[in-house]
Every structure is written in C-alpha cells, then in structure tokens.
Amino acid sequence: MVAPRGAARGNPPLTDMPPFDDADLFDEAGYLRLYPGIAEAMMQGVIDTAWNHFFHHGRHEGRLPNDVDPAFYLAAYPDVERDLGRPANPEDAAPHYVTLGRARGYLPNAKAPRPGNGAALPSPFGGVWTDQANALDLIQGRLDLGWIRRRDAAMLRIFALEGIVTLDRPNDQERIDGAALIVDQAFTGRFPDLRFARAGSAPEPWRPELTEQPVAILDPHMISRAVRDLLLDQTVTDFLSLLFGARPRLTASRGFLRDVAAPERDVAWHAYTLPLNFVAVTFALEDTPAGPALAWPGSHRLPDLPWPGGHVTFTEAYRDNPHGLDQARAGREAHVRAMLHGQEPRGLTTSLGTRMIRHPNLIHAAEWPAPPSQRRALTAWYCPSYVFPCGRETAPARTHTHQGIEYSSAAYPAMEPLD
C-alpha cells in the first residue's frame, strides 16, 4: 500500500492526519472480509490480488476499501483523540486504523478477528525497524524517551512513509569538491585499475568512448580517500546507525557522469544475507533540475516482486536456478510499471551536496541526459555491520576501516585502498 499523500510533508501523522482518498484507505483483510466472493476468486486464481481488484474495479463499483466501523472504533479506542490532538470525528476512524491502529492490533469492527501480530514486518524478506507496521509509534516512542532528536524523528517518519529522505544537515564543500574531482578524473582514464559498467553488463577498463555513455565507475571509494571522506561522513553514518540500530558497513559505490535506469528496486540487483537490510545513498556532486532522477514515494510499501523461484534478488534466483531468468529480465520493467498502476513519479531536484537515502524496495529511475549535459553523482550502498553482501560468501573481499566504519569492495576484492 502506498503511503498517504502528504503524510511526510506536513505535520507528523501522529498529531495531524493527512487527507486520504479511497485508495489510501485500502485494507486487504477488511476488503476480503466484506467481499468473500473476491476472496474465493483469488483462491481460484481468477483474481491475482485484492489490491489490484479494488484499484481497477472495486472502487469504480462503489465497493468499500475497508470494514472499519467508526462508531465502534472511536468508542473502543479513546487514544485516537490523543493521537490526533483534537476531538475525533467518524471520518477519522478509517485513516487512523490504516495508519496506526492496524499495526497496534486494534479491531476495525466488533466482529473482526484479532490479528496474530499487527506490528509484523509486511515482507517475508525482513527489513529495518522502520519497516515494521508500527514504525510511527516506535519513532514517537524513541522521541518521547529522548533517544532521538526531533529532527531525527521527522526524517525517520519521512523514510518510513515515503521510502526516501534527504539529510537536512549541510555537507562539507571541500569534501564534495574532492569527490567530484575524482569522478571527473576517472572518466579521463587517470586510474587504470578502475572498472566501468553499464546496467547488466560486464565490467571493463576505461576507454575514451565511455565518457559519453551512461556507465558507472565501480567502487570509486577504493581509489580515493576523498570519496571515502564523503561517503563515510559522520552525518551520514550517524543517521544510518539510527536506521540500522548498528554501525553501518559500506559495501559498494558507483560514480556517474550520466546515469540512466528503468524503474526498479535496489533489492532486485543487490543481494545481502538479510535481503531488505540495506539502503542506498545518493550524493549530488552538482545542482540538477527536477526530472532526470525519478522516484515513486511510498512504493517501498507495495508488494514484493520476486523473481522466478521466489527470490527478490536476481543473483539469489540465479544461484538457485538460472533457467528461465532471461525471459524474466526481459519482462521486468513491465512488471514493475504494472505495480505502480499508472502513478506519476516525483522528479527529484537535488542541489550540490544533497544526500538522499532510499529504501531498497523503493521504485526509482533515471532519465538519460544527452551529452554534453551531465549529472555528476555518487551512489553508495550500506548495510548493518552484522549483515554481509551475499557475493562475499563465494568471493571473499578484504575488509578495511575508515573513521571507525568498515568498508569493502566486490569489484576489487584484493585491492589495498588508495589515497
């Protein structure tokens, strides 16, 4: 379910509920309880998911998106008024249930069954603590206890609801300039050990034609202290420590002059021992207008999209059974777009030094900036210190430390980091 529109941009949802429409108020369990015929059709394979049925048919047929009984709900749970900070109206019941009450185990009506664990992670592949269904309550609790600051709580709420958040603290201009210089020099062939790759292609050494193509520098953090200083800045690692509940580990990075990518999730191509326990952070090395970088906020809450065999990561699906994956790759973009139901993406405006953190299940894309236009950026992937990239199970890489944070490289497993 996509997060309610506007939830992360106004006041925190615990104190001021945003506007909702029928799609925002959808509750799968309640929908199937209201319409058992739809549940039967799903069991027979006639309907794929309750959400798809409601979005394409049910809402236009006048079907209700949930089975919340406002009179029962407001009488049974007086905390609704505390959460809202004002007297509750019947119209508040369903938004509160979908946003907060469902995760607390509240009942939508007097006859509804009690959930086993309303706060459970929605995906069988796990996630970080902000992925728990009661993440908004957990954030508020940490704030009330003084474990986090108000600004951290605000960013954690945005990340929990939208799957993407921009760090609000200023970046160091000298570090930005140093990293940008390395990216520029890399595309002149200055570093012969570096490898470059397009999406889905094999790594290759630099050649002049690559400068005008949408290729990425593989793990530039291994050849420059300036890049490591930027990627492992304390502001970044401190927030990731809050998000992971542990020290972060830098596992990969990419440098771009011109990025291009079809709509996709990071989890589809980055495999970790805990599949959804990682994030990507993009560092803007110059100002960019809205549009080239795209994201669908809230799409991290949409259902998982496994490859054949049930894995959400391609490399794990290939390890289990490589047959039939070429066809799955060819049709992948269509499947991803179908999940979005025609929703328009948000064009991401980034200024020099912006650091944008995205959830591994967030659907994002990048449009090709034709030469001579470019969009210099670095993207890095981090996981908690107790998680490992799956590739290290068969091709061990050396571990290094920078300012107390571990990092490594699958692209250059034996390389000694350069200054």
Protein backbone atom coordinates (compact mmCIF):
# COMPACT_ATOMS: atom_id res chain seq x y z
CA MET A 1 0.00 0.00 0.00
CA VAL A 2 1.39 3.38 -0.96
CA ALA A 3 1.82 5.82 1.92
CA PRO A 4 -0.85 8.51 2.23
CA ARG A 5 -0.11 11.52 0.08
CA GLY A 6 1.29 14.42 2.04
CA ALA A 7 1.91 12.33 5.15
CA ALA A 8 5.60 13.07 5.26
CA ARG A 9 5.49 16.70 4.19
CA GLY A 10 3.18 18.23 6.77
CA ASN A 11 2.98 17.67 10.49
CA PRO A 12 3.83 14.18 11.80
CA PRO A 13 0.92 11.81 11.21
CA LEU A 14 0.69 11.01 14.94
CA THR A 15 -0.58 14.54 15.59
CA ASP A 16 -2.25 15.60 12.33
CA MET A 17 -3.75 13.13 9.90
CA PRO A 18 -3.26 13.98 6.20
CA PRO A 19 -6.08 13.86 3.63
CA PHE A 20 -6.97 10.38 2.41
CA ASP A 21 -8.85 9.01 -0.57
CA ASP A 22 -10.33 5.55 -1.03
CA ALA A 23 -7.08 4.06 -2.34
CA ASP A 24 -5.17 5.33 0.70
CA LEU A 25 -7.75 3.69 2.96
CA PHE A 26 -7.49 0.23 1.43
CA ASP A 27 -7.09 -2.66 3.87
CA GLU A 28 -6.72 -6.06 2.20
CA ALA A 29 -8.00 -8.17 5.09
CA GLY A 30 -11.03 -5.94 5.58
CA TYR A 31 -11.78 -5.87 1.85
CA LEU A 32 -11.82 -9.65 1.66
CA ARG A 33 -13.99 -9.90 4.77
CA LEU A 34 -16.51 -7.53 3.18
CA TYR A 35 -16.49 -9.34 -0.15
CA PRO A 36 -15.97 -13.10 0.30
CA GLY A 37 -16.70 -13.66 -3.38
CA ILE A 38 -13.48 -11.81 -4.21
CA ALA A 39 -11.57 -13.94 -1.72
CA GLU A 40 -12.96 -17.06 -3.40
CA ALA A 41 -11.94 -15.74 -6.84
CA MET A 42 -8.40 -15.19 -5.55
CA MET A 43 -8.23 -18.76 -4.25
CA GLN A 44 -9.28 -19.99 -7.69
CA GLY A 45 -6.68 -17.82 -9.42
CA VAL A 46 -9.27 -15.66 -11.22
CA ILE A 47 -8.04 -12.53 -9.36
CA ASP A 48 -4.36 -12.03 -8.59
CA THR A 49 -4.54 -9.64 -5.59
CA ALA A 50 -7.23 -7.85 -3.64
CA TRP A 51 -5.47 -4.53 -4.17
CA ASN A 52 -5.46 -4.91 -7.95
CA HIS A 53 -9.16 -5.79 -7.90
CA PHE A 54 -10.04 -2.79 -5.77
CA PHE A 55 -7.87 -0.36 -7.74
CA HIS A 56 -9.11 -1.41 -11.17
CA HIS A 57 -12.68 -2.49 -10.41
CA GLY A 58 -13.91 -2.28 -6.83
CA ARG A 59 -13.53 1.45 -6.28
CA HIS A 60 -15.45 2.14 -9.51
CA GLU A 61 -18.17 -0.30 -8.46
CA GLY A 62 -18.72 1.54 -5.19
CA ARG A 63 -17.08 -1.13 -3.03
CA LEU A 64 -15.68 -0.01 0.33
CA PRO A 65 -11.88 -0.13 0.80
CA ASN A 66 -12.07 -1.46 4.38
CA ASP A 67 -14.51 -2.70 7.01
CA VAL A 68 -13.93 -0.03 9.68
CA ASP A 69 -16.99 0.73 11.81
CA PRO A 70 -16.43 4.35 13.00
CA ALA A 71 -18.86 4.16 15.93
CA PHE A 72 -17.22 1.03 17.34
CA TYR A 73 -13.67 2.18 16.60
CA LEU A 74 -13.89 5.61 18.24
CA ALA A 75 -15.69 4.22 21.28
CA ALA A 76 -13.26 1.35 21.73
CA TYR A 77 -10.03 3.33 21.28
CA PRO A 78 -10.01 6.73 23.03
CA ASP A 79 -6.30 7.10 22.17
CA VAL A 80 -7.43 8.20 18.71
CA GLU A 81 -8.13 11.65 20.12
CA ARG A 82 -4.73 11.75 21.81
CA ASP A 83 -3.01 10.87 18.54
CA LEU A 84 -4.97 13.48 16.63
CA GLY A 85 -4.59 16.19 19.25
CA ARG A 86 -8.26 17.11 18.85
CA PRO A 87 -11.76 15.58 19.19
CA ALA A 88 -12.24 12.72 16.74
CA ASN A 89 -14.87 12.61 14.01
CA PRO A 90 -16.29 9.49 12.31
CA GLU A 91 -14.23 10.37 9.22
CA ASP A 92 -11.05 9.95 11.30
CA ALA A 93 -11.64 6.28 12.13
CA ALA A 94 -10.51 4.65 8.87
CA PRO A 95 -7.43 6.87 8.35
CA HIS A 96 -6.34 6.22 11.94
CA TYR A 97 -6.89 2.49 11.58
CA VAL A 98 -4.90 2.22 8.35
CA THR A 99 -2.03 4.44 9.56
CA LEU A 100 -1.75 3.47 13.23
CA GLY A 101 -4.48 1.25 14.66
CA ARG A 102 -3.98 -1.73 12.37
CA ALA A 103 -0.33 -2.02 13.48
CA ARG A 104 -1.39 -1.82 17.13
CA GLY A 105 -3.77 -4.75 16.78
CA TYR A 106 -6.89 -2.58 17.03
CA LEU A 107 -10.04 -4.12 15.56
CA PRO A 108 -11.77 -2.31 12.67
CA ASN A 109 -15.15 -3.52 13.89
CA ALA A 110 -16.54 -5.57 16.75
CA LYS A 111 -16.69 -8.83 14.76
CA ALA A 112 -13.27 -8.66 13.08
CA PRO A 113 -10.73 -11.37 14.03
CA ARG A 114 -7.80 -10.37 16.22
CA PRO A 115 -4.53 -10.29 14.22
CA GLY A 116 -1.68 -12.50 15.42
CA ASN A 117 0.85 -9.66 15.27
CA GLY A 118 -0.40 -6.43 13.80
CA ALA A 119 3.10 -4.91 14.01
CA ALA A 120 4.80 -7.63 11.96
CA LEU A 121 7.03 -6.77 9.02
CA PRO A 122 4.92 -6.78 5.86
CA SER A 123 7.54 -8.69 3.82
CA PRO A 124 8.82 -12.21 4.49
CA PHE A 125 12.23 -10.89 3.40
CA GLY A 126 12.52 -8.70 6.50
CA GLY A 127 13.64 -5.09 6.60
CA VAL A 128 14.90 -2.49 9.07
CA TRP A 129 12.88 -1.45 12.11
CA THR A 130 11.22 1.45 10.28
CA ASP A 131 9.60 -1.19 8.04
CA GLN A 132 7.59 -2.59 10.93
CA ALA A 133 3.91 -1.83 10.66
CA ASN A 134 4.04 0.17 13.91
CA ALA A 135 7.09 2.21 12.86
CA LEU A 136 5.36 5.54 13.53
CA ASP A 137 4.65 4.52 17.11
CA LEU A 138 8.23 3.29 17.55
CA ILE A 139 9.60 6.61 16.28
CA GLN A 140 7.32 8.58 18.60
CA GLY A 141 8.35 6.34 21.50
CA ARG A 142 12.05 6.91 20.87
CA LEU A 143 11.39 10.65 20.72
CA ASP A 144 9.38 10.62 23.96
CA LEU A 145 12.18 8.71 25.71
CA GLY A 146 14.84 11.15 24.50
CA TRP A 147 16.68 8.52 22.45
CA ILE A 148 16.43 10.59 19.28
CA ARG A 149 16.10 14.28 18.48
CA ARG A 150 13.04 15.88 16.93
CA ARG A 151 14.81 16.43 13.59
CA ASP A 152 15.85 12.77 13.50
CA ALA A 153 12.28 11.71 14.28
CA ALA A 154 10.99 13.85 11.42
CA MET A 155 13.43 12.28 8.94
CA LEU A 156 12.69 8.76 10.20
CA ARG A 157 8.94 9.37 9.70
CA ILE A 158 9.53 10.53 6.15
CA PHE A 159 11.69 7.50 5.45
CA ALA A 160 9.12 5.12 6.98
CA LEU A 161 6.24 6.61 4.97
CA GLU A 162 7.86 7.54 1.66
CA GLY A 163 10.97 5.32 1.47
CA ILE A 164 13.20 8.27 0.58
CA VAL A 165 14.55 11.14 2.68
CA THR A 166 17.09 13.92 2.28
CA LEU A 167 19.53 14.60 5.11
CA ASP A 168 18.83 18.10 6.38
CA ARG A 169 22.32 18.90 7.60
CA PRO A 170 24.76 20.83 5.37
CA ASN A 171 27.59 18.99 3.64
CA ASP A 172 31.25 19.96 3.59
CA GLN A 173 32.10 21.82 0.37
CA GLU A 174 35.72 20.67 0.39
CA ARG A 175 34.67 17.02 0.55
CA ILE A 176 32.19 17.49 -2.29
CA ASP A 177 34.81 19.15 -4.47
CA GLY A 178 37.36 16.43 -3.72
CA ALA A 179 34.96 13.61 -4.64
CA ALA A 180 33.74 15.43 -7.76
CA LEU A 181 37.33 15.80 -8.95
CA ILE A 182 37.91 12.05 -8.61
CA VAL A 183 34.79 11.31 -10.70
CA ASP A 184 35.96 13.73 -13.38
CA GLN A 185 39.49 12.27 -13.40
CA ALA A 186 38.19 8.71 -13.51
CA PHE A 187 36.43 9.46 -16.79
CA THR A 188 39.72 10.62 -18.30
CA GLY A 189 41.41 7.27 -17.66
CA ARG A 190 43.64 8.53 -14.85
CA PHE A 191 43.07 5.43 -12.70
CA PRO A 192 43.98 2.35 -14.76
CA ASP A 193 42.75 -0.13 -12.12
CA LEU A 194 39.21 1.21 -12.20
CA ARG A 195 36.48 -0.70 -13.98
CA PHE A 196 33.28 0.68 -15.56
CA ALA A 197 29.97 -1.00 -16.30
CA ARG A 198 26.54 -0.38 -17.74
CA ALA A 199 23.50 -1.90 -16.09
CA GLY A 200 23.64 -5.65 -16.65
CA SER A 201 26.98 -5.60 -18.48
CA ALA A 202 30.38 -6.99 -17.57
CA PRO A 203 32.99 -4.61 -16.08
CA GLU A 204 35.55 -3.19 -18.49
CA PRO A 205 38.57 -0.87 -18.31
CA TRP A 206 38.27 2.77 -19.29
CA ARG A 207 38.24 3.80 -22.92
CA PRO A 208 37.53 7.29 -24.31
CA GLU A 209 34.07 6.40 -25.69
CA LEU A 210 32.78 5.68 -22.18
CA THR A 211 32.85 9.36 -21.28
CA GLU A 212 29.76 9.98 -23.43
CA GLN A 213 27.89 6.85 -22.33
CA PRO A 214 25.73 6.01 -19.28
CA VAL A 215 28.31 3.90 -17.48
CA ALA A 216 29.22 3.78 -13.81
CA ILE A 217 32.58 3.76 -12.09
CA LEU A 218 32.73 0.66 -9.91
CA ASP A 219 33.59 1.29 -6.24
CA PRO A 220 35.49 4.58 -6.53
CA HIS A 221 35.74 4.60 -2.74
CA MET A 222 38.63 2.14 -3.14
CA ILE A 223 40.85 4.54 -5.10
CA SER A 224 40.33 7.80 -3.20
CA ARG A 225 40.30 8.94 0.40
CA ALA A 226 38.33 11.98 -0.79
CA VAL A 227 35.48 9.70 -1.88
CA ARG A 228 35.61 7.77 1.38
CA ASP A 229 35.54 11.02 3.37
CA LEU A 230 32.30 11.96 1.58
CA LEU A 231 30.59 8.57 1.72
CA LEU A 232 31.54 7.96 5.35
CA ASP A 233 30.86 11.47 6.63
CA GLN A 234 29.69 11.32 10.25
CA THR A 235 26.33 12.93 9.44
CA VAL A 236 25.61 10.06 7.06
CA THR A 237 26.87 7.28 9.30
CA ASP A 238 25.11 8.67 12.37
CA PHE A 239 21.72 8.64 10.63
CA LEU A 240 22.34 5.18 9.18
CA SER A 241 23.23 3.98 12.68
CA LEU A 242 19.78 5.16 13.85
CA LEU A 243 18.16 3.43 10.90
CA PHE A 244 20.04 0.14 11.33
CA GLY A 245 20.36 0.11 15.11
CA ALA A 246 24.01 -0.76 14.49
CA ARG A 247 27.11 0.66 12.86
CA PRO A 248 26.76 0.82 9.07
CA ARG A 249 29.02 -1.03 6.65
CA LEU A 250 29.85 0.44 3.22
CA THR A 251 29.64 -2.37 0.66
CA ALA A 252 29.63 -0.77 -2.79
CA SER A 253 29.64 2.57 -4.59
CA ARG A 254 29.16 3.89 -8.11
CA GLY A 255 30.24 7.15 -9.71
CA PHE A 256 28.26 8.69 -12.58
CA LEU A 257 28.52 11.43 -15.16
CA ARG A 258 25.32 10.35 -16.89
CA ASP A 259 23.03 7.88 -15.20
CA VAL A 260 20.11 6.15 -16.87
CA ALA A 261 17.92 3.44 -15.37
CA ALA A 262 14.48 1.91 -15.92
CA PRO A 263 12.06 1.81 -12.96
CA GLU A 264 13.39 -0.73 -10.50
CA ARG A 265 14.16 -1.54 -6.88
CA ASP A 266 17.68 -1.82 -5.47
CA VAL A 267 16.82 -5.16 -3.88
CA ALA A 268 16.39 -6.67 -7.35
CA TRP A 269 20.15 -6.47 -8.02
CA HIS A 270 21.90 -6.09 -4.64
CA ALA A 271 21.98 -9.30 -2.61
CA TYR A 272 22.56 -9.31 1.15
CA THR A 273 22.33 -12.07 3.75
CA LEU A 274 19.23 -10.24 5.04
CA PRO A 275 17.60 -9.17 1.76
CA LEU A 276 15.99 -5.89 2.83
CA ASN A 277 18.51 -4.79 5.45
CA PHE A 278 20.36 -2.18 3.43
CA VAL A 279 19.90 1.26 1.92
CA ALA A 280 21.32 3.33 -0.93
CA VAL A 281 22.54 6.90 -0.51
CA THR A 282 23.00 9.23 -3.48
CA PHE A 283 25.39 12.19 -3.17
CA ALA A 284 24.77 15.02 -5.64
CA LEU A 285 28.03 16.50 -6.91
CA GLU A 286 26.29 19.34 -8.77
CA ASP A 287 22.90 21.03 -8.97
CA THR A 288 20.33 19.14 -11.03
CA PRO A 289 16.83 20.24 -12.09
CA ALA A 290 13.72 18.25 -11.26
CA GLY A 291 13.08 15.39 -13.62
CA PRO A 292 16.21 13.38 -14.51
CA ALA A 293 16.18 11.46 -11.22
CA LEU A 294 12.76 9.95 -10.51
CA ALA A 295 11.17 8.18 -7.56
CA TRP A 296 7.74 6.85 -6.60
CA PRO A 297 7.45 7.79 -2.90
CA GLY A 298 5.66 5.13 -0.90
CA SER A 299 6.37 2.41 -3.48
CA HIS A 300 8.53 0.57 -0.93
CA ARG A 301 5.24 -0.43 0.69
CA LEU A 302 3.91 -2.09 -2.43
CA PRO A 303 4.10 -5.91 -2.52
CA ASP A 304 7.35 -7.77 -3.08
CA LEU A 305 8.17 -8.61 -6.69
CA PRO A 306 10.09 -11.91 -6.59
CA TRP A 307 12.00 -13.42 -9.49
CA PRO A 308 11.13 -16.98 -10.59
CA GLY A 309 11.83 -19.25 -7.67
CA GLY A 310 10.63 -16.77 -5.08
CA HIS A 311 13.77 -14.69 -4.52
CA VAL A 312 13.59 -10.89 -4.58
CA THR A 313 17.22 -10.63 -5.73
CA PHE A 314 18.32 -11.72 -9.19
CA THR A 315 21.67 -13.15 -8.08
CA GLU A 316 19.98 -15.33 -5.49
CA ALA A 317 17.40 -16.50 -8.04
CA TYR A 318 20.22 -17.31 -10.46
CA ARG A 319 22.13 -19.22 -7.78
CA ASP A 320 19.06 -21.32 -7.08
CA ASN A 321 18.02 -21.94 -10.70
CA PRO A 322 19.44 -19.98 -13.67
CA HIS A 323 16.93 -21.35 -16.19
CA GLY A 324 14.21 -19.03 -17.41
CA LEU A 325 15.67 -15.86 -15.92
CA ASP A 326 16.46 -14.25 -19.29
CA GLN A 327 12.76 -14.06 -20.04
CA ALA A 328 12.08 -12.71 -16.55
CA ARG A 329 14.68 -9.98 -17.06
CA ALA A 330 13.16 -9.01 -20.39
CA GLY A 331 9.74 -8.51 -18.87
CA ARG A 332 10.90 -6.98 -15.61
CA GLU A 333 10.21 -3.32 -16.43
CA ALA A 334 6.63 -4.11 -17.47
CA HIS A 335 6.02 -5.91 -14.17
CA VAL A 336 7.45 -3.02 -12.16
CA ARG A 337 5.35 -0.45 -14.03
CA ALA A 338 2.24 -2.58 -13.57
CA MET A 339 2.74 -2.41 -9.80
CA LEU A 340 2.61 1.38 -9.97
CA HIS A 341 -0.88 1.42 -11.56
CA GLY A 342 -0.02 4.44 -13.69
CA GLN A 343 1.10 6.62 -10.79
CA GLU A 344 3.34 9.51 -11.81
CA PRO A 345 6.86 9.66 -10.36
CA ARG A 346 8.31 12.60 -8.50
CA GLY A 347 11.17 14.39 -10.22
CA LEU A 348 13.94 14.80 -7.65
CA THR A 349 15.52 18.23 -7.53
CA THR A 350 18.96 17.95 -5.98
CA SER A 351 21.38 20.72 -5.13
CA LEU A 352 25.13 20.44 -4.76
CA GLY A 353 25.90 18.33 -1.69
CA THR A 354 22.42 16.80 -1.29
CA ARG A 355 22.43 13.34 0.30
CA MET A 356 19.32 11.31 -0.44
CA ILE A 357 18.68 7.98 1.33
CA ARG A 358 16.38 5.46 -0.34
CA HIS A 359 14.80 2.23 0.80
CA PRO A 360 15.88 -0.96 -1.05
CA ASN A 361 12.26 -1.56 -2.11
CA LEU A 362 11.65 1.99 -3.37
CA ILE A 363 10.97 2.10 -7.11
CA HIS A 364 13.20 4.71 -8.73
CA ALA A 365 14.57 5.55 -12.17
CA ALA A 366 16.88 7.94 -14.01
CA GLU A 367 16.42 9.55 -17.39
CA TRP A 368 19.31 9.81 -19.83
CA PRO A 369 20.82 13.32 -20.01
CA ALA A 370 22.11 13.56 -23.58
CA PRO A 371 25.66 14.87 -23.99
CA PRO A 372 27.01 17.40 -23.32
CA SER A 373 24.62 17.53 -20.36
CA GLN A 374 25.73 15.51 -17.36
CA ARG A 375 24.67 14.77 -13.81
CA ARG A 376 27.68 14.00 -11.63
CA ALA A 377 26.77 11.91 -8.63
CA LEU A 378 27.91 9.12 -6.36
CA THR A 379 25.65 6.37 -5.03
CA ALA A 380 26.73 4.08 -2.21
CA TRP A 381 25.11 1.05 -0.59
CA TYR A 382 25.29 0.35 3.15
CA CYS A 383 24.09 -2.41 5.45
CA PRO A 384 24.27 -3.00 9.22
CA SER A 385 27.64 -4.23 10.49
CA TYR A 386 26.21 -7.71 11.16
CA VAL A 387 24.95 -8.17 7.57
CA PHE A 388 27.10 -9.22 4.58
CA PRO A 389 26.72 -8.95 0.82
CA CYS A 390 25.93 -12.45 -0.48
CA GLY A 391 28.76 -12.22 -3.02
CA ARG A 392 31.29 -12.41 -0.21
CA GLU A 393 30.20 -15.97 0.54
CA THR A 394 31.91 -17.23 -2.62
CA ALA A 395 34.40 -14.44 -3.37
CA PRO A 396 35.70 -13.10 -0.05
CA ALA A 397 36.82 -9.48 -0.07
CA ARG A 398 39.18 -7.74 2.32
CA THR A 399 37.61 -5.51 4.96
CA HIS A 400 39.03 -2.06 5.69
CA THR A 401 38.17 0.67 8.18
CA HIS A 402 37.75 4.40 7.69
CA GLN A 403 36.96 6.57 10.72
CA GLY A 404 35.71 3.52 12.60
CA ILE A 405 33.38 2.32 9.79
CA GLU A 406 34.07 -0.86 7.82
CA TYR A 407 34.06 -0.93 4.03
CA SER A 408 34.96 -3.40 1.30
CA SER A 409 34.67 -3.96 -2.46
CA ALA A 410 33.44 -6.88 -4.53
CA ALA A 411 34.83 -5.22 -7.66
CA TYR A 412 38.40 -5.17 -6.33
CA PRO A 413 38.48 -7.77 -3.54
CA ALA A 414 42.26 -7.80 -3.14
CA MET A 415 42.93 -4.08 -3.69
CA GLU A 416 44.62 -2.05 -1.00
CA PRO A 417 42.72 1.24 -0.65
CA LEU A 418 44.42 4.20 -2.32
CA ASP A 419 44.63 7.74 -1.02
